[in-house]
Amino acid sequence: MTREAFDHHVGKWHRREPEMALAEVFCPAAERQRFRAWGALQFELREAVFELSDPRVTAVKTSWWAETLLALGKGQGRHPLTEALLGVAAPWSALARSVLDTPQQPQRPGDGEAALAAMRPLAQAIAEVEAALFEAQPAAADVVAVHLLLQRLPAGLSAEDAGRVPLHLLARHQLRSSDLPSAGSEPLLRDWAVELKARLPARLPRACLYRRLRCAFDGARLQRLAGGRGFAPPSALSTVWRGWRAARSR
């Protein structure tokens, strides 16, 4: 593994989730490379599963990542990120199966429960691998599922899956999926944020630091979206304060 290749992938993740770069100060130095590798790997998996416009490319990418995760379970590092995670006994095969299966799940859910249900198998696999990586209790699948659905916004709104926004919200606001990227969709997005935030617990005391931080930051992003303040993350100062509280909540 070259440092440059590893840092490249971590940089891609940090551009999507800049709050996690700020939160590294709360991660012990000895665990920081694993913390970074796990965050960046999840970004790569999300990109392969949800963010490629051509289903044929999605099939190729998810197959490659599934094989790479299976190889990791056998002690083989085929990618700079998986190389950094070698030596951990985790359910990599379950994660590989979920990476393959999730693109086949319904992409236009009828309601919020259906949206979460489509994400739960992948979310559960992520939670169980994460617990093994950091020797902690796995977070509830819905906590990770909310994160996956939040990350599908806002870029996904103009995609074929309409960002996984449930159809009942489109009906409530009398909108079509083609209306979603417009300013007129803000009330709908506020309602969706309220639904998602209601699924997050106030604290995750037995979960690992990574998930405690991510849950706190997801809650803050959803709170801003529910309040009509858009998708931009909170300020750096409030992020560090929130990260400090999440780090202490163990």
Foldseek 3Di string as FASTA:
>chain_A
DDPVQLVVLLVVLCVLVVLVVLLLVLPPPVCSLLLSLLSSVVVQLLCLQPPDQDVVSSQVSLLVVLVQLVVLCVQDHPGPSSVSQHPFNFPSNQLSVCSNCLSVQDLAAQADVSQLVSQQSNLVRSQRRQCRSQVFHGDHSLLSSLVSLLSLPDVVLCGPSNSSQYPVLCVVLVHDSNCCVDPSCLQSQLVVLVVSLVSQDPADQGGDLSSLLSSLQSNQQSVCSNVVNDRDGDDSVVSNVSSVVSSPSD
